[in-house]
Amino acid sequence: MRLLYIVPKIKNPGGVARVLAVKANYFVEHFGYDVHVLSQNESSDKLPFYKFNEKIVFHNMNLNGNAFRFFMSLKKAVNQKVKEINPDVILVADNGLKAFLYPFIIKTKIPIVFECHGSKFIEEKRHQVGLFLKLKYWFKNYAAGKFTKMVALSDESLKEWNLKNIEVIPNPAWIETEFTSSLQSKKAFVIARNSYEKGLDRLLLIWKEIAQKHPDWTLDIYSDDIDFLEKEAQNLGITSTINYFDFVKNIEQKYLESSLYLMTSRTEGFPMVLLEAMAFGLPCIAFDCPIGPRAIIENDKNGFLIPDGNIEIFVEKLSFLMDNEEERIRLGINAKETTKKFSTPKIMEQWKLFLENLIA
């Protein structure tokens, strides 16, 4: 079987790139599929952040200009690539609004699957809920129904969409390890892009309170906009207890060195970082945002779900775990057990069955 993934970026250190690397490699190495990945405005000289099997073929579309020129060049380029590659299935993994154009602009009878990696209500900046947003969300739902199939990552994601052509296949927990954090270090841990939906501004407000209550604890942030984050922290009066790092590839060791994982996102799809943290036995604390965290975190069993945006309760639960090593251990044991539900072989067998039924 030949698959074509259409993505905005594949060579960056983002969560979608991570999960596509895991799945594409598995398709090639275990099922013998041919996998092609079509991204946008990425240099052929740039190496992917994550490791991809050498048999996977990368393609690029150079898109630019105003909205009309961008749309026309997208339409022309994607149809050229579909004709050239001639896949059995096309999979679109893109959270952007343009992803919903593909059922209308790709001229083919090949099945097109929308792989939904975010909330329907994801936004890159704060907006007032008005007519424009309502029309945008309506269009997303209408366009998603035009794909051959849509794959949601959780039952929570399923509830956002009023569709009949939708199935649920979670992301795989790609880390399977016997190693477990001792949970004795006084260190909390975060990996996230510095963007509106990832909510690092909310994280800094939380840590401002924590730094006063627990000055012996430190927060390690792995992100892509360190200078901005440092300035924001200084503006809040946080001059110590936070360490800033660029994204790294050997992230497994960083989990082992930590005792808590924090997530303050405003929206999430199915956050791979929570599964990664839990694989190493880390309790996770996250805002109960739409929609990903509640698909993984069971409140007071493997972590804590905090009412979305409630800084006070987040600080309270975080402080509680900092003071109680026994509770960290209890939640951590359950967290590690949680990842077994999402083992890579189990999830990839679901994908194999889904794809084979699609072209049968």
Protein backbone atom coordinates (compact mmCIF):
# COMPACT_ATOMS: atom_id res chain seq x y z
CA MET A 1 0.00 0.00 0.00
CA ARG A 2 1.22 3.48 -0.83
CA LEU A 3 0.35 6.34 1.53
CA LEU A 4 0.67 10.08 1.00
CA TYR A 5 0.70 12.28 4.09
CA ILE A 6 0.01 15.99 3.53
CA VAL A 7 1.33 18.14 6.38
CA PRO A 8 2.30 21.80 6.89
CA LYS A 9 5.73 20.90 8.34
CA ILE A 10 7.46 17.57 8.97
CA LYS A 11 11.03 18.56 9.85
CA ASN A 12 10.25 20.55 13.00
CA PRO A 13 10.19 19.26 16.62
CA GLY A 14 6.40 19.47 16.99
CA GLY A 15 4.00 16.85 18.32
CA VAL A 16 2.42 16.10 14.93
CA ALA A 17 5.85 15.53 13.38
CA ARG A 18 6.70 13.22 16.28
CA VAL A 19 3.63 11.02 15.91
CA LEU A 20 3.92 10.91 12.12
CA ALA A 21 7.53 9.76 12.45
CA VAL A 22 6.41 6.93 14.74
CA LYS A 23 3.56 5.86 12.47
CA ALA A 24 5.35 6.29 9.13
CA ASN A 25 8.32 4.27 10.37
CA TYR A 26 6.01 1.53 11.61
CA PHE A 27 4.09 1.42 8.32
CA VAL A 28 7.36 0.91 6.43
CA GLU A 29 9.16 -1.42 8.84
CA HIS A 30 6.28 -3.68 9.92
CA PHE A 31 3.70 -3.56 7.13
CA GLY A 32 5.94 -2.92 4.13
CA TYR A 33 3.98 0.16 3.03
CA ASP A 34 5.41 2.87 0.79
CA VAL A 35 5.13 6.21 2.61
CA HIS A 36 5.43 9.66 1.04
CA VAL A 37 5.23 12.93 3.00
CA LEU A 38 4.32 16.22 1.32
CA SER A 39 5.08 19.37 3.32
CA GLN A 40 5.14 23.09 2.59
CA ASN A 41 8.01 25.57 2.32
CA GLU A 42 10.67 23.32 3.84
CA SER A 43 14.23 23.25 2.53
CA SER A 44 15.43 19.99 1.02
CA ASP A 45 18.75 20.60 2.78
CA LYS A 46 17.14 20.64 6.23
CA LEU A 47 17.19 17.33 8.07
CA PRO A 48 14.11 16.23 10.02
CA PHE A 49 14.28 16.74 13.78
CA TYR A 50 12.95 13.22 14.34
CA LYS A 51 14.33 10.02 12.84
CA PHE A 52 12.55 8.71 9.75
CA ASN A 53 13.20 5.44 7.95
CA GLU A 54 15.37 6.01 4.89
CA LYS A 55 12.68 4.47 2.65
CA ILE A 56 10.25 7.30 3.43
CA VAL A 57 10.14 9.82 0.58
CA PHE A 58 9.82 13.55 1.33
CA HIS A 59 8.27 16.07 -1.06
CA ASN A 60 7.86 19.83 -0.72
CA MET A 61 5.49 22.47 -2.08
CA ASN A 62 6.81 26.03 -2.32
CA LEU A 63 3.80 28.24 -1.60
CA ASN A 64 3.81 32.03 -1.31
CA GLY A 65 2.06 35.23 -2.32
CA ASN A 66 -1.23 36.71 -1.23
CA ALA A 67 -4.18 34.54 -0.23
CA PHE A 68 -5.38 34.04 -3.82
CA ARG A 69 -1.92 33.19 -5.22
CA PHE A 70 -1.26 30.91 -2.24
CA PHE A 71 -4.52 29.05 -2.84
CA MET A 72 -3.90 28.64 -6.56
CA SER A 73 -0.33 27.45 -6.08
CA LEU A 74 -1.51 25.02 -3.38
CA LYS A 75 -4.20 23.61 -5.68
CA LYS A 76 -1.78 23.18 -8.56
CA ALA A 77 1.07 21.72 -6.50
CA VAL A 78 -0.97 19.22 -4.50
CA ASN A 79 -2.71 17.84 -7.59
CA GLN A 80 0.62 17.49 -9.38
CA LYS A 81 2.04 15.53 -6.45
CA VAL A 82 -1.03 13.30 -6.14
CA LYS A 83 -0.78 12.46 -9.84
CA GLU A 84 2.96 11.86 -9.60
CA ILE A 85 2.88 9.68 -6.43
CA ASN A 86 -0.45 7.94 -7.18
CA PRO A 87 -1.11 6.82 -3.59
CA ASP A 88 -3.74 4.33 -2.45
CA VAL A 89 -4.74 6.65 0.41
CA ILE A 90 -4.14 10.36 1.09
CA LEU A 91 -3.94 11.41 4.75
CA VAL A 92 -4.16 15.09 5.72
CA ALA A 93 -2.56 15.90 9.09
CA ASP A 94 -2.89 19.66 9.39
CA ASN A 95 -4.58 21.75 12.10
CA GLY A 96 -4.77 24.84 9.90
CA LEU A 97 -7.86 26.12 8.13
CA LYS A 98 -6.38 25.26 4.72
CA ALA A 99 -6.56 21.56 5.63
CA PHE A 100 -10.32 21.77 5.19
CA LEU A 101 -9.89 22.90 1.57
CA TYR A 102 -8.36 19.62 0.39
CA PRO A 103 -11.63 17.72 -0.26
CA PHE A 104 -12.61 20.54 -2.64
CA ILE A 105 -9.31 21.09 -4.46
CA ILE A 106 -7.83 17.59 -4.82
CA LYS A 107 -9.28 16.15 -8.01
CA THR A 108 -9.13 12.40 -7.44
CA LYS A 109 -11.17 9.33 -6.57
CA ILE A 110 -8.45 8.24 -4.12
CA PRO A 111 -9.74 8.10 -0.51
CA ILE A 112 -8.78 11.25 1.44
CA VAL A 113 -8.58 10.95 5.22
CA PHE A 114 -8.53 13.89 7.63
CA GLU A 115 -6.37 12.98 10.62
CA CYS A 116 -7.47 15.46 13.29
CA HIS A 117 -4.58 16.39 15.60
CA GLY A 118 -6.25 19.29 17.39
CA SER A 119 -9.46 20.65 18.78
CA LYS A 120 -11.98 22.02 16.29
CA PHE A 121 -11.76 25.21 18.34
CA ILE A 122 -7.98 25.66 18.18
CA GLU A 123 -6.91 29.30 17.83
CA GLU A 124 -3.50 30.87 17.39
CA LYS A 125 -4.50 34.02 19.29
CA ARG A 126 -7.29 35.27 21.51
CA HIS A 127 -10.56 36.01 19.71
CA GLN A 128 -13.96 37.25 20.73
CA VAL A 129 -16.61 34.65 19.92
CA GLY A 130 -18.57 36.30 17.13
CA LEU A 131 -20.03 35.65 13.71
CA PHE A 132 -16.64 35.04 12.07
CA LEU A 133 -15.68 32.31 14.51
CA LYS A 134 -19.09 30.69 14.31
CA LEU A 135 -18.84 30.61 10.50
CA LYS A 136 -15.32 29.20 10.69
CA TYR A 137 -16.34 26.38 13.02
CA TRP A 138 -19.37 25.65 10.83
CA PHE A 139 -17.14 25.47 7.74
CA LYS A 140 -14.70 23.13 9.51
CA ASN A 141 -17.49 20.74 10.38
CA TYR A 142 -19.00 20.96 6.87
CA ALA A 143 -15.64 20.42 5.15
CA ALA A 144 -14.61 17.59 7.48
CA GLY A 145 -17.74 15.76 6.33
CA LYS A 146 -16.49 15.93 2.74
CA PHE A 147 -13.42 13.80 3.47
CA THR A 148 -13.78 10.09 2.75
CA LYS A 149 -13.11 9.48 6.43
CA MET A 150 -12.03 11.48 9.46
CA VAL A 151 -9.92 10.00 12.24
CA ALA A 152 -10.32 11.55 15.68
CA LEU A 153 -7.78 10.78 18.39
CA SER A 154 -10.22 10.27 21.26
CA ASP A 155 -13.88 9.99 22.18
CA GLU A 156 -13.60 13.55 23.48
CA SER A 157 -12.54 14.72 20.02
CA LEU A 158 -15.39 12.75 18.48
CA LYS A 159 -17.89 14.77 20.51
CA GLU A 160 -16.71 18.05 18.92
CA TRP A 161 -17.76 16.95 15.44
CA ASN A 162 -21.28 16.30 14.21
CA LEU A 163 -20.24 13.73 11.61
CA LYS A 164 -20.98 10.20 10.46
CA ASN A 165 -17.73 9.58 8.54
CA ILE A 166 -15.56 9.59 11.68
CA GLU A 167 -13.62 6.92 13.59
CA VAL A 168 -11.42 7.03 16.68
CA ILE A 169 -7.80 5.86 16.63
CA PRO A 170 -5.59 7.30 19.42
CA ASN A 171 -1.96 8.25 19.04
CA PRO A 172 0.50 5.50 19.99
CA ALA A 173 2.64 5.69 23.11
CA TRP A 174 5.93 5.35 21.26
CA ILE A 175 8.12 5.05 24.38
CA GLU A 176 8.12 1.60 25.96
CA THR A 177 10.68 1.50 28.75
CA GLU A 178 11.40 -0.20 32.04
CA PHE A 179 13.06 2.95 33.32
CA THR A 180 11.06 5.04 35.78
CA SER A 181 11.77 8.39 37.40
CA SER A 182 12.59 8.17 41.11
CA LEU A 183 10.29 11.21 41.58
CA GLN A 184 12.70 12.50 44.22
CA SER A 185 14.14 15.45 42.34
CA LYS A 186 12.53 18.80 43.04
CA LYS A 187 12.02 19.52 39.39
CA ALA A 188 8.94 20.05 37.20
CA PHE A 189 9.10 19.77 33.45
CA VAL A 190 7.40 21.27 30.37
CA ILE A 191 7.87 20.85 26.61
CA ALA A 192 5.86 23.20 24.39
CA ARG A 193 6.07 25.73 21.61
CA ASN A 194 5.59 29.28 22.83
CA SER A 195 2.25 29.88 21.13
CA TYR A 196 -1.14 31.08 22.31
CA GLU A 197 -2.75 27.64 22.32
CA LYS A 198 0.10 26.12 24.37
CA GLY A 199 -0.53 28.61 27.18
CA LEU A 200 2.98 29.14 28.52
CA ASP A 201 1.82 32.56 29.71
CA ARG A 202 -0.50 30.70 32.09
CA LEU A 203 2.38 28.49 33.19
CA LEU A 204 4.43 31.52 34.22
CA LEU A 205 1.54 32.88 36.32
CA ILE A 206 1.35 29.53 38.09
CA TRP A 207 5.08 29.37 38.68
CA LYS A 208 5.10 32.89 40.11
CA GLU A 209 2.96 31.55 42.97
CA ILE A 210 4.87 28.28 43.25
CA ALA A 211 8.25 30.01 43.45
CA GLN A 212 7.12 31.77 46.60
CA LYS A 213 5.74 28.60 48.22
CA HIS A 214 8.46 26.20 47.04
CA PRO A 215 11.65 28.12 46.27
CA ASP A 216 13.62 24.85 46.40
CA TRP A 217 11.82 23.52 43.29
CA THR A 218 12.85 24.34 39.72
CA LEU A 219 10.97 24.37 36.44
CA ASP A 220 12.64 23.23 33.21
CA ILE A 221 11.00 24.61 30.07
CA TYR A 222 11.94 23.24 26.63
CA SER A 223 10.64 25.64 24.02
CA ASP A 224 11.38 27.62 20.87
CA ASP A 225 11.21 31.23 22.07
CA ILE A 226 13.44 31.34 25.11
CA ASP A 227 14.32 35.07 25.06
CA PHE A 228 10.64 36.05 25.07
CA LEU A 229 9.82 33.64 27.90
CA GLU A 230 12.71 34.89 30.01
CA LYS A 231 11.55 38.49 29.60
CA GLU A 232 7.97 37.57 30.50
CA ALA A 233 9.17 35.77 33.62
CA GLN A 234 11.29 38.75 34.63
CA ASN A 235 8.28 41.04 34.16
CA LEU A 236 6.43 38.81 36.63
CA GLY A 237 9.31 39.04 39.09
CA ILE A 238 10.53 35.46 38.53
CA THR A 239 14.29 35.86 38.43
CA SER A 240 15.30 32.32 39.40
CA THR A 241 13.94 28.74 39.67
CA ILE A 242 13.22 28.50 35.91
CA ASN A 243 15.65 26.93 33.44
CA TYR A 244 15.12 27.45 29.71
CA PHE A 245 16.29 25.04 27.00
CA ASP A 246 15.94 24.56 23.26
CA PHE A 247 14.19 21.41 22.08
CA VAL A 248 16.46 18.35 22.33
CA LYS A 249 16.35 14.89 20.76
CA ASN A 250 17.40 12.89 23.83
CA ILE A 251 14.30 13.97 25.69
CA GLU A 252 13.90 10.61 27.46
CA GLN A 253 16.68 11.43 29.92
CA LYS A 254 14.99 14.73 30.81
CA TYR A 255 11.83 12.93 31.90
CA LEU A 256 13.87 10.65 34.16
CA GLU A 257 15.43 13.69 35.83
CA SER A 258 12.03 15.21 36.67
CA SER A 259 9.25 14.49 39.16
CA LEU A 260 6.22 16.25 37.64
CA TYR A 261 4.98 17.12 34.17
CA LEU A 262 2.87 20.27 33.68
CA MET A 263 0.58 21.25 30.80
CA THR A 264 -1.17 24.63 30.61
CA SER A 265 -2.48 24.50 27.03
CA ARG A 266 -5.67 26.24 25.94
CA THR A 267 -6.41 23.49 23.39
CA GLU A 268 -4.80 20.13 22.67
CA GLY A 269 -5.40 17.21 20.34
CA PHE A 270 -4.00 14.06 21.89
CA PRO A 271 -0.83 15.27 23.61
CA MET A 272 2.09 12.94 22.97
CA VAL A 273 4.08 14.62 25.75
CA LEU A 274 1.62 13.34 28.36
CA LEU A 275 2.11 9.75 27.15
CA GLU A 276 5.88 10.28 27.07
CA ALA A 277 5.91 11.62 30.63
CA MET A 278 3.68 8.81 31.88
CA ALA A 279 5.92 6.19 30.24
CA PHE A 280 8.58 7.27 32.74
CA GLY A 281 6.14 7.29 35.64
CA LEU A 282 5.64 11.04 35.92
CA PRO A 283 2.36 12.33 37.39
CA CYS A 284 0.86 14.93 35.05
CA ILE A 285 -1.08 18.07 35.91
CA ALA A 286 -3.00 19.77 33.11
CA PHE A 287 -5.80 22.22 32.53
CA ASP A 288 -8.94 20.40 31.38
CA CYS A 289 -8.87 22.24 28.06
CA PRO A 290 -10.54 21.11 24.85
CA ILE A 291 -9.89 18.25 24.40
CA GLY A 292 -6.76 16.14 24.74
CA PRO A 293 -5.73 15.99 28.40
CA ARG A 294 -8.98 14.42 29.62
CA ALA A 295 -8.48 11.56 27.13
CA ILE A 296 -5.28 10.57 28.96
CA ILE A 297 -5.37 11.96 32.52
CA GLU A 298 -7.77 10.35 35.00
CA ASN A 299 -8.19 12.85 37.80
CA ASP A 300 -6.50 11.81 41.05
CA LYS A 301 -5.49 8.47 39.49
CA ASN A 302 -2.53 9.22 37.20
CA GLY A 303 -2.46 12.99 37.64
CA PHE A 304 -4.75 15.97 38.09
CA LEU A 305 -7.14 17.66 35.68
CA ILE A 306 -7.62 21.31 36.63
CA PRO A 307 -10.70 23.34 35.63
CA ASP A 308 -9.55 25.20 32.55
CA GLY A 309 -7.91 28.52 33.40
CA ASN A 310 -8.18 28.14 37.19
CA ILE A 311 -4.70 29.22 38.27
CA GLU A 312 -5.53 28.92 41.98
CA ILE A 313 -6.51 25.25 41.86
CA PHE A 314 -3.55 24.44 39.60
CA VAL A 315 -1.21 25.98 42.17
CA GLU A 316 -2.99 24.12 44.98
CA LYS A 317 -2.65 20.67 43.34
CA LEU A 318 0.90 21.30 42.19
CA SER A 319 1.90 22.43 45.66
CA PHE A 320 0.21 19.35 47.13
CA LEU A 321 2.29 17.00 44.99
CA MET A 322 5.48 18.92 45.70
CA ASP A 323 4.85 18.34 49.41
CA ASN A 324 3.85 14.67 49.09
CA GLU A 325 6.32 12.23 47.57
CA GLU A 326 4.07 9.27 48.39
CA GLU A 327 1.28 10.80 46.32
CA ARG A 328 3.69 11.42 43.44
CA ILE A 329 4.68 7.75 43.56
CA ARG A 330 1.05 6.55 43.66
CA LEU A 331 0.05 8.66 40.68
CA GLY A 332 3.27 7.79 38.85
CA ILE A 333 2.66 4.03 39.11
CA ASN A 334 -0.79 4.47 37.61
CA ALA A 335 0.58 6.83 34.95
CA LYS A 336 3.03 4.21 33.70
CA GLU A 337 0.20 1.66 33.57
CA THR A 338 -1.92 4.08 31.51
CA THR A 339 0.49 3.98 28.56
CA LYS A 340 -0.13 0.27 28.01
CA LYS A 341 -3.57 1.10 26.61
CA PHE A 342 -1.86 3.02 23.81
CA SER A 343 0.97 0.62 22.90
CA THR A 344 2.35 1.19 19.41
CA PRO A 345 1.63 -2.34 18.04
CA LYS A 346 -1.95 -2.17 19.30
CA ILE A 347 -2.66 1.26 17.78
CA MET A 348 -0.90 0.47 14.49
CA GLU A 349 -2.97 -2.68 14.01
CA GLN A 350 -6.03 -0.42 14.22
CA TRP A 351 -4.53 1.76 11.49
CA LYS A 352 -3.76 -1.25 9.30
CA LEU A 353 -7.33 -2.53 9.55
CA PHE A 354 -8.73 0.97 8.93
CA LEU A 355 -6.63 1.54 5.79
CA GLU A 356 -7.22 -1.92 4.34
CA ASN A 357 -10.98 -1.56 4.80
CA LEU A 358 -10.81 1.86 3.16
CA ILE A 359 -9.47 0.50 -0.14
CA ALA A 360 -11.21 -2.88 -0.07
